[in-house]
């Protein structure tokens, strides 16, 4: 199957847990992996871990690689530059919905720029990823197809980097938050975080992989029942909606393809050109409900492993409930679960 991995800072440790359980279970093969931001980190580390090595179980190697990467993230958070340490130390141990943090962060974004901060030249993740991933070997691999999103600052368009194009700079561009780090230059263009336009990108799967099954691992809750009232709650919900927006648009496109195929709108010669996507998802609505955008910067090891364990539990439940559906049917109803129901075209009066 194909994997679509959302981004969301330290909450990506939840995805680590999901991947760890899927690898431990061992029944699924991954043809394509797409990611944005933290999803890119998980995708790159996973794909690199799965590379063939004589006498080594690739699944166990991938599990070890993911563990090592997130341990490195934790250690980088505790020994970061002064600028990053200010953020990390302020966050660690604070209540999830601490309103002063959100107010301070919001005001900071209005008057601070990474161009005025020398430490913004250094992303701690760069050192962690560089030490662990052989990008040259990864680019030469054909075992797993990678699709990494980044946002082109000049054009405002999404850019998808494929396996043969993946470099350390590409990974850093996909995780480049514009108010913390300077945009990353690749060739003649500059790039910001891929989560703004493809979180994760799904459309490459339609054209560039053979499998019909796509499993999306969410980080940002789709739904919250309570109305946000406090400034921190409002900022958090805006963050979630913003970083889910591109995924919602992709789901609408998939739903339209389903409609075309299910209702026989296409001639046979055109129908056979379209793959029928089977959509599965491991959501974060319940698992990460008690967290907010502030904890996306927390790198405490206990916090990261707690998220990992939540991810493992979510993946275990999904496998128990839906493994037998893989290759047979979608396990989510896109219209019911993600999209506003639209009127049937035949019911619309001129």
Protein backbone atom coordinates (compact mmCIF):
# COMPACT_ATOMS: atom_id res chain seq x y z
CA UNK A 1 0.00 0.00 0.00
CA UNK A 2 0.91 3.65 -0.19
CA UNK A 3 1.43 5.78 2.92
CA UNK A 4 0.56 9.46 3.29
CA UNK A 5 2.21 10.98 6.37
CA UNK A 6 1.03 14.32 7.73
CA UNK A 7 3.36 16.88 9.22
CA UNK A 8 3.04 18.52 12.62
CA UNK A 9 6.33 19.00 14.43
CA UNK A 10 6.96 16.83 17.47
CA UNK A 11 3.51 15.29 17.04
CA UNK A 12 5.19 13.33 14.25
CA UNK A 13 6.24 10.95 17.03
CA UNK A 14 2.64 9.68 16.87
CA UNK A 15 3.31 8.67 13.25
CA UNK A 16 6.53 7.02 14.42
CA UNK A 17 4.42 4.81 16.67
CA UNK A 18 2.01 3.95 13.84
CA UNK A 19 4.90 2.99 11.55
CA UNK A 20 6.60 1.02 14.31
CA UNK A 21 3.50 -1.13 14.80
CA UNK A 22 2.94 -1.64 11.07
CA UNK A 23 6.55 -2.74 10.67
CA UNK A 24 6.34 -5.03 13.68
CA UNK A 25 3.15 -6.60 12.31
CA UNK A 26 4.92 -7.25 9.03
CA UNK A 27 1.92 -7.94 6.78
CA UNK A 28 1.97 -4.71 4.74
CA UNK A 29 4.41 -3.67 2.04
CA UNK A 30 4.92 0.01 1.26
CA UNK A 31 5.16 0.93 -2.42
CA UNK A 32 4.95 4.70 -2.15
CA UNK A 33 5.37 7.09 0.78
CA UNK A 34 4.46 10.78 0.71
CA UNK A 35 5.10 13.30 3.41
CA UNK A 36 5.26 16.91 4.46
CA UNK A 37 7.34 18.44 7.25
CA UNK A 38 7.58 15.89 10.09
CA UNK A 39 5.89 13.44 7.73
CA UNK A 40 8.84 13.90 5.38
CA UNK A 41 11.27 13.11 8.19
CA UNK A 42 9.42 9.90 9.00
CA UNK A 43 9.14 9.00 5.30
CA UNK A 44 12.83 9.52 4.57
CA UNK A 45 14.00 7.65 7.67
CA UNK A 46 11.56 4.80 6.99
CA UNK A 47 12.54 4.44 3.32
CA UNK A 48 16.24 4.55 4.18
CA UNK A 49 15.78 1.96 6.92
CA UNK A 50 14.02 -0.38 4.49
CA UNK A 51 16.95 -0.43 2.06
CA UNK A 52 18.40 -3.89 1.48
CA UNK A 53 21.38 -4.79 3.65
CA UNK A 54 22.92 -8.28 3.67
CA UNK A 55 21.85 -10.30 6.69
CA UNK A 56 19.63 -7.55 8.09
CA UNK A 57 15.85 -7.64 8.46
CA UNK A 58 14.79 -4.40 6.71
CA UNK A 59 11.69 -3.99 8.89
CA UNK A 60 13.67 -4.24 12.11
CA UNK A 61 16.30 -1.91 10.67
CA UNK A 62 13.57 0.61 9.82
CA UNK A 63 12.17 0.38 13.36
CA UNK A 64 15.63 0.98 14.79
CA UNK A 65 16.16 3.91 12.41
CA UNK A 66 12.93 5.60 13.45
CA UNK A 67 13.78 5.13 17.14
CA UNK A 68 17.25 6.53 16.59
CA UNK A 69 15.91 9.53 14.67
CA UNK A 70 13.38 10.54 17.32
CA UNK A 71 15.92 10.02 20.08
CA UNK A 72 18.16 12.37 18.11
CA UNK A 73 15.33 14.90 17.88
CA UNK A 74 14.95 14.80 21.65
CA UNK A 75 18.66 15.23 22.22
CA UNK A 76 18.84 18.07 19.69
CA UNK A 77 16.01 19.81 21.51
CA UNK A 78 17.94 19.70 24.78
CA UNK A 79 21.20 20.91 23.26
CA UNK A 80 19.97 23.32 20.60
CA UNK A 81 21.15 26.81 19.83
CA UNK A 82 20.22 29.61 22.21
CA UNK A 83 17.32 30.67 20.00
CA UNK A 84 15.87 27.17 19.77
CA UNK A 85 16.54 26.51 23.45
CA UNK A 86 14.42 29.53 24.32
CA UNK A 87 11.48 27.89 22.57
CA UNK A 88 12.17 24.36 23.80
CA UNK A 89 12.81 25.25 27.43
CA UNK A 90 9.82 27.56 27.59
CA UNK A 91 7.55 24.82 26.31
CA UNK A 92 8.75 21.82 28.28
CA UNK A 93 6.59 21.23 31.31
CA UNK A 94 4.00 23.89 30.45
CA UNK A 95 0.29 22.97 30.45
CA UNK A 96 -1.01 22.15 26.98
CA UNK A 97 -3.46 25.03 26.85
CA UNK A 98 -1.26 27.62 28.55
CA UNK A 99 -2.75 30.81 27.07
CA UNK A 100 0.27 33.03 27.68
CA UNK A 101 2.37 30.79 25.42
CA UNK A 102 -0.05 31.22 22.52
CA UNK A 103 -0.28 34.97 23.03
CA UNK A 104 3.50 35.27 23.16
CA UNK A 105 3.97 33.08 20.09
CA UNK A 106 1.38 35.01 18.12
CA UNK A 107 2.95 38.35 18.94
CA UNK A 108 6.41 36.94 18.19
CA UNK A 109 5.35 36.00 14.65
CA UNK A 110 4.25 39.59 14.05
CA UNK A 111 7.52 41.28 14.90
CA UNK A 112 10.25 38.67 14.52
CA UNK A 113 11.78 37.31 11.33
CA UNK A 114 14.28 34.48 10.93
CA UNK A 115 16.38 36.86 8.82
CA UNK A 116 17.11 38.83 11.99
CA UNK A 117 18.05 35.74 13.98
CA UNK A 118 21.53 34.26 13.28
CA UNK A 119 20.56 30.87 14.82
CA UNK A 120 17.85 30.59 12.18
CA UNK A 121 20.61 29.49 9.83
CA UNK A 122 20.76 26.24 11.80
CA UNK A 123 17.90 23.77 11.94
CA UNK A 124 18.72 21.16 14.62
CA UNK A 125 16.92 18.53 12.54
CA UNK A 126 19.53 18.92 9.82
CA UNK A 127 22.31 17.48 11.94
CA UNK A 128 20.12 14.61 13.15
CA UNK A 129 19.02 13.62 9.65
CA UNK A 130 22.44 14.09 8.07
CA UNK A 131 24.03 11.73 10.60
CA UNK A 132 21.50 8.98 9.92
CA UNK A 133 20.55 9.00 6.25
CA UNK A 134 22.77 8.23 3.27
CA UNK A 135 20.91 10.39 0.77
CA UNK A 136 22.98 9.29 -2.20
CA UNK A 137 22.04 5.66 -1.60
CA UNK A 138 18.44 6.63 -0.96
CA UNK A 139 18.22 8.47 -4.30
CA UNK A 140 19.50 5.37 -6.12
CA UNK A 141 16.89 3.13 -4.54
CA UNK A 142 13.87 1.89 -6.50
CA UNK A 143 12.35 -0.16 -3.67
CA UNK A 144 10.13 2.61 -2.28
CA UNK A 145 8.89 5.67 -4.11
CA UNK A 146 9.10 8.88 -2.10
CA UNK A 147 7.02 12.01 -2.71
CA UNK A 148 8.03 15.01 -0.59
CA UNK A 149 6.13 18.28 -0.67
CA UNK A 150 7.55 21.77 -0.28
CA UNK A 151 6.05 25.21 -0.89
CA UNK A 152 7.70 27.36 -3.55
CA UNK A 153 8.00 30.81 -1.99
CA UNK A 154 8.18 32.61 -5.33
CA UNK A 155 5.29 30.94 -7.18
CA UNK A 156 3.15 29.92 -4.21
CA UNK A 157 2.80 26.46 -5.76
CA UNK A 158 3.39 23.04 -4.31
CA UNK A 159 6.50 21.23 -5.50
CA UNK A 160 6.78 17.44 -5.25
CA UNK A 161 10.29 16.06 -4.99
CA UNK A 162 10.62 12.40 -5.96
CA UNK A 163 13.04 9.73 -4.78
CA UNK A 164 15.82 10.55 -7.23
CA UNK A 165 15.64 14.22 -6.16
CA UNK A 166 15.65 13.77 -2.38
CA UNK A 167 18.55 15.53 -0.68
CA UNK A 168 19.15 16.83 2.80
CA UNK A 169 18.14 20.30 1.58
CA UNK A 170 14.87 18.94 0.17
CA UNK A 171 14.00 17.36 3.52
CA UNK A 172 14.84 20.60 5.32
CA UNK A 173 12.76 22.61 2.86
CA UNK A 174 9.75 20.39 3.50
CA UNK A 175 10.05 21.15 7.24
CA UNK A 176 10.96 24.84 7.01
CA UNK A 177 8.59 26.91 9.16
CA UNK A 178 8.87 30.44 7.75
CA UNK A 179 8.79 32.23 11.11
CA UNK A 180 11.58 30.06 12.55
CA UNK A 181 13.94 29.35 9.64
CA UNK A 182 15.06 31.05 6.48
CA UNK A 183 13.68 29.52 3.27
CA UNK A 184 15.80 26.75 1.82
CA UNK A 185 17.33 27.35 -1.60
CA UNK A 186 17.16 24.47 -4.06
CA UNK A 187 18.48 25.23 -7.53
CA UNK A 188 17.16 28.74 -8.24
CA UNK A 189 14.10 28.76 -5.97
CA UNK A 190 13.39 29.07 -2.26
CA UNK A 191 11.07 26.76 -0.33
CA UNK A 192 9.03 26.71 2.86
CA UNK A 193 7.20 23.96 4.73
CA UNK A 194 5.31 21.55 2.47
CA UNK A 195 2.42 21.28 4.91
CA UNK A 196 0.83 24.47 3.59
CA UNK A 197 -0.07 22.95 0.20
CA UNK A 198 0.33 19.19 0.49
CA UNK A 199 -0.12 17.67 3.94
CA UNK A 200 0.45 15.01 2.77
CA UNK A 201 0.37 15.04 -1.04
CA UNK A 202 -1.74 12.17 -2.37
CA UNK A 203 -2.12 12.86 -6.08
CA UNK A 204 1.28 11.36 -7.08
CA UNK A 205 -0.07 7.98 -5.94
CA UNK A 206 -2.74 8.06 -8.67
CA UNK A 207 -0.19 8.19 -11.46
CA UNK A 208 3.08 6.78 -10.16
CA UNK A 209 2.29 3.69 -8.07
CA UNK A 210 0.43 0.48 -8.89
CA UNK A 211 -1.36 -0.19 -5.62
CA UNK A 212 -4.84 1.22 -5.09
CA UNK A 213 -4.66 1.34 -1.28
CA UNK A 214 -3.65 4.59 0.42
CA UNK A 215 -3.30 4.83 4.21
CA UNK A 216 -3.21 8.38 5.58
CA UNK A 217 -1.69 8.85 9.02
CA UNK A 218 -3.12 12.02 10.51
CA UNK A 219 -1.44 14.29 13.04
CA UNK A 220 -3.86 17.22 13.02
CA UNK A 221 -7.33 16.41 14.40
CA UNK A 222 -10.06 16.89 11.82
CA UNK A 223 -12.84 17.49 14.30
CA UNK A 224 -13.12 19.11 17.73
CA UNK A 225 -16.48 19.23 19.47
CA UNK A 226 -15.80 22.20 21.77
CA UNK A 227 -15.96 25.77 20.53
CA UNK A 228 -12.56 27.49 20.91
CA UNK A 229 -12.86 30.49 23.23
CA UNK A 230 -9.46 31.34 24.70
CA UNK A 231 -6.81 32.92 22.42
CA UNK A 232 -4.69 29.76 22.63
CA UNK A 233 -7.62 27.54 21.71
CA UNK A 234 -8.49 29.73 18.73
CA UNK A 235 -4.90 29.80 17.49
CA UNK A 236 -4.64 26.03 17.87
CA UNK A 237 -7.84 25.37 15.91
CA UNK A 238 -6.76 27.73 13.13
CA UNK A 239 -3.47 25.82 12.95
CA UNK A 240 -5.30 22.49 12.64
CA UNK A 241 -7.71 23.72 9.99
CA UNK A 242 -4.91 25.34 7.99
CA UNK A 243 -2.77 22.22 7.91
CA UNK A 244 -5.74 19.98 7.07
CA UNK A 245 -7.03 22.17 4.22
CA UNK A 246 -4.95 20.66 1.42
CA UNK A 247 -5.87 17.13 2.50
CA UNK A 248 -9.57 18.03 2.44
CA UNK A 249 -9.18 19.25 -1.14
CA UNK A 250 -7.48 16.02 -2.16
CA UNK A 251 -10.24 14.00 -0.54
CA UNK A 252 -12.81 15.94 -2.55
CA UNK A 253 -10.94 15.11 -5.77
CA UNK A 254 -10.83 11.42 -4.82
CA UNK A 255 -14.53 11.48 -3.99
CA UNK A 256 -15.24 12.90 -7.45
CA UNK A 257 -13.22 10.10 -9.08
CA UNK A 258 -15.19 7.57 -7.04
CA UNK A 259 -18.43 9.14 -8.27
CA UNK A 260 -17.34 9.01 -11.90
CA UNK A 261 -16.43 5.34 -11.64
CA UNK A 262 -19.29 4.20 -9.40
CA UNK A 263 -22.01 5.85 -11.47
CA UNK A 264 -20.62 4.87 -14.86
CA UNK A 265 -20.03 8.39 -16.14
CA UNK A 266 -17.00 7.33 -18.17
CA UNK A 267 -16.72 5.36 -21.38
CA UNK A 268 -14.88 2.02 -20.93
CA UNK A 269 -11.79 3.24 -22.81
CA UNK A 270 -11.44 6.13 -20.36
CA UNK A 271 -12.50 4.22 -17.27
CA UNK A 272 -9.59 1.80 -17.53
CA UNK A 273 -7.15 4.72 -17.36
CA UNK A 274 -8.28 5.64 -13.85
CA UNK A 275 -7.21 3.81 -10.70
CA UNK A 276 -9.93 3.41 -8.08
CA UNK A 277 -8.29 4.69 -4.87
CA UNK A 278 -9.07 2.69 -1.74
CA UNK A 279 -8.73 5.11 1.17
CA UNK A 280 -7.82 4.19 4.73
CA UNK A 281 -6.91 6.47 7.60
CA UNK A 282 -5.53 6.43 11.11
CA UNK A 283 -6.86 9.64 12.59
CA UNK A 284 -5.61 11.73 15.48
CA UNK A 285 -8.90 13.17 16.72
CA UNK A 286 -8.99 11.05 19.87
CA UNK A 287 -5.33 10.15 20.28
CA UNK A 288 -4.08 13.76 20.17
CA UNK A 289 -7.23 15.48 21.39
CA UNK A 290 -5.61 16.68 24.61
CA UNK A 291 -2.71 18.35 22.76
CA UNK A 292 -2.42 21.65 20.92
CA UNK A 293 -0.13 23.43 18.49
CA UNK A 294 2.13 24.47 21.38
CA UNK A 295 3.23 20.89 22.06
CA UNK A 296 4.39 20.49 18.46
CA UNK A 297 7.65 21.99 19.75
CA UNK A 298 8.09 19.79 22.82
CA UNK A 299 11.02 17.40 22.40
CA UNK A 300 11.10 15.85 25.87
CA UNK A 301 11.81 12.11 25.45
CA UNK A 302 8.98 11.05 27.75
CA UNK A 303 6.55 13.15 25.71
CA UNK A 304 7.78 11.74 22.40
CA UNK A 305 7.59 8.13 23.57
CA UNK A 306 4.10 8.76 24.95
CA UNK A 307 3.03 9.87 21.47
CA UNK A 308 4.79 6.85 19.98
CA UNK A 309 2.82 4.54 22.25
CA UNK A 310 -0.44 6.24 21.29
CA UNK A 311 0.46 5.73 17.64
CA UNK A 312 1.21 2.05 18.21
CA UNK A 313 -2.16 1.60 19.91
CA UNK A 314 -4.00 3.37 17.07
CA UNK A 315 -2.23 1.25 14.45
CA UNK A 316 -3.01 -1.92 16.38
CA UNK A 317 -6.70 -1.05 16.46
CA UNK A 318 -6.68 -0.25 12.76
CA UNK A 319 -5.00 -3.56 11.87
CA UNK A 320 -7.49 -5.53 13.96
CA UNK A 321 -10.46 -3.76 12.41
CA UNK A 322 -9.42 -3.23 8.81
CA UNK A 323 -6.50 -5.37 7.64
CA UNK A 324 -8.81 -7.75 5.78
CA UNK A 325 -10.24 -4.78 3.85
CA UNK A 326 -6.88 -3.89 2.28
CA UNK A 327 -7.07 -4.46 -1.45
CA UNK A 328 -10.84 -4.94 -1.24
CA UNK A 329 -12.57 -1.72 -0.16
CA UNK A 330 -12.06 1.71 1.36
CA UNK A 331 -12.43 1.80 5.13
CA UNK A 332 -13.48 5.45 5.31
CA UNK A 333 -16.48 7.13 3.76
CA UNK A 334 -14.99 10.33 2.40
CA UNK A 335 -18.31 12.15 2.05
CA UNK A 336 -19.52 11.18 5.50
CA UNK A 337 -16.26 11.50 7.42
CA UNK A 338 -14.52 14.42 5.72
CA UNK A 339 -16.68 16.28 3.24
CA UNK A 340 -19.91 18.21 3.28
CA UNK A 341 -22.54 16.23 1.40
CA UNK A 342 -23.38 17.83 -1.93
CA UNK A 343 -26.74 17.56 -3.69
CA UNK A 344 -27.03 15.02 -6.46
CA UNK A 345 -26.65 16.69 -9.84
CA UNK A 346 -29.98 15.27 -11.00
CA UNK A 347 -31.78 17.02 -8.15
CA UNK A 348 -30.59 20.50 -9.10
CA UNK A 349 -33.24 22.48 -10.96
CA UNK A 350 -32.27 24.97 -13.62
